[in-house]
C-alpha atoms as a PDB file:
ATOM      1  CA  UNK A   1      63.022 250.310  63.800  1.00  0.00           C
ATOM      2  CA  UNK A   2      64.393 250.220  60.212  1.00  0.00           C
ATOM      3  CA  UNK A   3      64.248 247.150  57.860  1.00  0.00           C
ATOM      4  CA  UNK A   4      68.052 247.321  57.713  1.00  0.00           C
ATOM      5  CA  UNK A   5      68.332 247.105  61.703  1.00  0.00           C
ATOM      6  CA  UNK A   6      65.757 244.465  61.845  1.00  0.00           C
ATOM      7  CA  UNK A   7      67.758 242.217  59.291  1.00  0.00           C
ATOM      8  CA  UNK A   8      71.106 243.046  60.845  1.00  0.00           C
ATOM      9  CA  UNK A   9      69.661 242.041  64.411  1.00  0.00           C
ATOM     10  CA  UNK A  10      68.535 238.674  63.025  1.00  0.00           C
ATOM     11  CA  UNK A  11      72.164 238.205  62.037  1.00  0.00           C
ATOM     12  CA  UNK A  12      73.485 239.032  65.198  1.00  0.00           C
ATOM     13  CA  UNK A  13      70.973 236.989  67.145  1.00  0.00           C
ATOM     14  CA  UNK A  14      71.539 233.948  64.886  1.00  0.00           C
ATOM     15  CA  UNK A  15      75.325 234.058  64.491  1.00  0.00           C
ATOM     16  CA  UNK A  16      76.545 235.749  67.581  1.00  0.00           C
ATOM     17  CA  UNK A  17      73.729 234.542  70.078  1.00  0.00           C
ATOM     18  CA  UNK A  18      73.059 238.007  71.133  1.00  0.00           C
ATOM     19  CA  UNK A  19      69.918 239.264  72.988  1.00  0.00           C
ATOM     20  CA  UNK A  20      67.755 241.280  70.633  1.00  0.00           C
ATOM     21  CA  UNK A  21      67.022 243.754  73.370  1.00  0.00           C
ATOM     22  CA  UNK A  22      70.797 244.654  73.624  1.00  0.00           C
ATOM     23  CA  UNK A  23      70.991 245.435  69.982  1.00  0.00           C
ATOM     24  CA  UNK A  24      70.148 249.157  69.886  1.00  0.00           C
ATOM     25  CA  UNK A  25      71.613 251.688  67.398  1.00  0.00           C
ATOM     26  CA  UNK A  26      74.044 253.048  69.945  1.00  0.00           C
ATOM     27  CA  UNK A  27      75.126 249.729  71.149  1.00  0.00           C
ATOM     28  CA  UNK A  28      79.048 249.354  70.707  1.00  0.00           C
ATOM     29  CA  UNK A  29      80.074 246.331  68.919  1.00  0.00           C
ATOM     30  CA  UNK A  30      82.962 245.860  71.148  1.00  0.00           C
ATOM     31  CA  UNK A  31      80.681 245.827  74.114  1.00  0.00           C
ATOM     32  CA  UNK A  32      78.766 243.314  72.593  1.00  0.00           C
ATOM     33  CA  UNK A  33      81.801 241.157  72.324  1.00  0.00           C
ATOM     34  CA  UNK A  34      82.219 241.745  68.477  1.00  0.00           C
ATOM     35  CA  UNK A  35      85.991 242.554  67.894  1.00  0.00           C
ATOM     36  CA  UNK A  36      87.558 243.648  64.736  1.00  0.00           C
ATOM     37  CA  UNK A  37      87.737 239.772  63.528  1.00  0.00           C
ATOM     38  CA  UNK A  38      84.137 239.509  64.437  1.00  0.00           C
ATOM     39  CA  UNK A  39      83.240 242.739  62.425  1.00  0.00           C
ATOM     40  CA  UNK A  40      84.978 241.347  59.347  1.00  0.00           C
ATOM     41  CA  UNK A  41      82.982 238.076  59.670  1.00  0.00           C
ATOM     42  CA  UNK A  42      79.767 240.128  60.348  1.00  0.00           C
ATOM     43  CA  UNK A  43      80.564 242.150  56.992  1.00  0.00           C
ATOM     44  CA  UNK A  44      80.776 238.921  55.135  1.00  0.00           C
ATOM     45  CA  UNK A  45      77.386 237.949  56.416  1.00  0.00           C
ATOM     46  CA  UNK A  46      76.111 241.432  55.484  1.00  0.00           C
ATOM     47  CA  UNK A  47      77.373 240.967  52.056  1.00  0.00           C
ATOM     48  CA  UNK A  48      75.350 237.691  51.577  1.00  0.00           C
ATOM     49  CA  UNK A  49      72.057 239.055  53.314  1.00  0.00           C
ATOM     50  CA  UNK A  50      71.985 242.312  51.539  1.00  0.00           C
ATOM     51  CA  UNK A  51      73.237 241.354  48.321  1.00  0.00           C
ATOM     52  CA  UNK A  52      75.938 243.954  48.291  1.00  0.00           C
ATOM     53  CA  UNK A  53      79.753 243.868  47.461  1.00  0.00           C
ATOM     54  CA  UNK A  54      81.968 245.091  50.072  1.00  0.00           C
ATOM     55  CA  UNK A  55      84.609 247.705  48.909  1.00  0.00           C
ATOM     56  CA  UNK A  56      88.170 246.786  49.481  1.00  0.00           C
ATOM     57  CA  UNK A  57      89.116 249.580  51.818  1.00  0.00           C
ATOM     58  CA  UNK A  58      88.859 249.161  55.624  1.00  0.00           C
ATOM     59  CA  UNK A  59      85.975 250.874  57.381  1.00  0.00           C
ATOM     60  CA  UNK A  60      85.753 251.732  61.030  1.00  0.00           C
ATOM     61  CA  UNK A  61      82.509 250.642  62.562  1.00  0.00           C
ATOM     62  CA  UNK A  62      82.072 251.287  66.377  1.00  0.00           C
ATOM     63  CA  UNK A  63      78.194 250.783  66.878  1.00  0.00           C
ATOM     64  CA  UNK A  64      75.334 248.942  65.422  1.00  0.00           C
ATOM     65  CA  UNK A  65      74.170 252.253  64.169  1.00  0.00           C
ATOM     66  CA  UNK A  66      77.433 252.601  62.219  1.00  0.00           C
ATOM     67  CA  UNK A  67      77.008 249.281  60.638  1.00  0.00           C
ATOM     68  CA  UNK A  68      73.266 250.033  59.770  1.00  0.00           C
ATOM     69  CA  UNK A  69      74.324 253.420  58.154  1.00  0.00           C
ATOM     70  CA  UNK A  70      77.129 251.592  56.190  1.00  0.00           C
ATOM     71  CA  UNK A  71      74.707 248.979  55.010  1.00  0.00           C
ATOM     72  CA  UNK A  72      72.126 251.632  53.840  1.00  0.00           C
ATOM     73  CA  UNK A  73      75.026 253.479  52.046  1.00  0.00           C
ATOM     74  CA  UNK A  74      76.131 250.315  50.296  1.00  0.00           C
ATOM     75  CA  UNK A  75      72.570 249.332  49.277  1.00  0.00           C
ATOM     76  CA  UNK A  76      72.004 252.773  47.910  1.00  0.00           C
ATOM     77  CA  UNK A  77      75.133 253.049  46.011  1.00  0.00           C
ATOM     78  CA  UNK A  78      75.016 249.678  44.399  1.00  0.00           C
ATOM     79  CA  UNK A  79      71.256 249.690  43.774  1.00  0.00           C
ATOM     80  CA  UNK A  80      70.395 246.566  45.672  1.00  0.00           C
ATOM     81  CA  UNK A  81      67.230 248.049  47.689  1.00  0.00           C
ATOM     82  CA  UNK A  82      65.285 244.570  46.981  1.00  0.00           C
ATOM     83  CA  UNK A  83      66.433 241.149  46.815  1.00  0.00           C
ATOM     84  CA  UNK A  84      65.106 239.226  43.709  1.00  0.00           C
ATOM     85  CA  UNK A  85      63.146 236.157  44.113  1.00  0.00           C
ATOM     86  CA  UNK A  86      64.981 232.903  43.854  1.00  0.00           C
ATOM     87  CA  UNK A  87      62.892 231.590  41.295  1.00  0.00           C
ATOM     88  CA  UNK A  88      61.245 233.738  38.627  1.00  0.00           C
ATOM     89  CA  UNK A  89      57.496 233.597  38.540  1.00  0.00           C
ATOM     90  CA  UNK A  90      55.814 232.043  35.415  1.00  0.00           C
ATOM     91  CA  UNK A  91      53.063 233.674  33.428  1.00  0.00           C
ATOM     92  CA  UNK A  92      50.130 231.485  32.397  1.00  0.00           C
ATOM     93  CA  UNK A  93      50.046 230.953  28.624  1.00  0.00           C
ATOM     94  CA  UNK A  94      47.962 233.176  26.681  1.00  0.00           C
END
């Protein structure tokens, strides 16, 4: 399982109360009860979790795998592969 899928699954379990075992790459979003409005909400959560900016053009996402691929593409394009720590570490005085 990829890190992206693990993080996406955590969002779906927390926000949509879905069973983790149902969240496979080929699972259809609609079959999980996530309609087009739910996908839009999910993408806003993805934006926050992965520190990416969604492009304005609409995107068709049918499965969990489609969402994972979309996230991976956004992260690669925007260079947000890692999340910066909330507080920068301080170095001891020399």
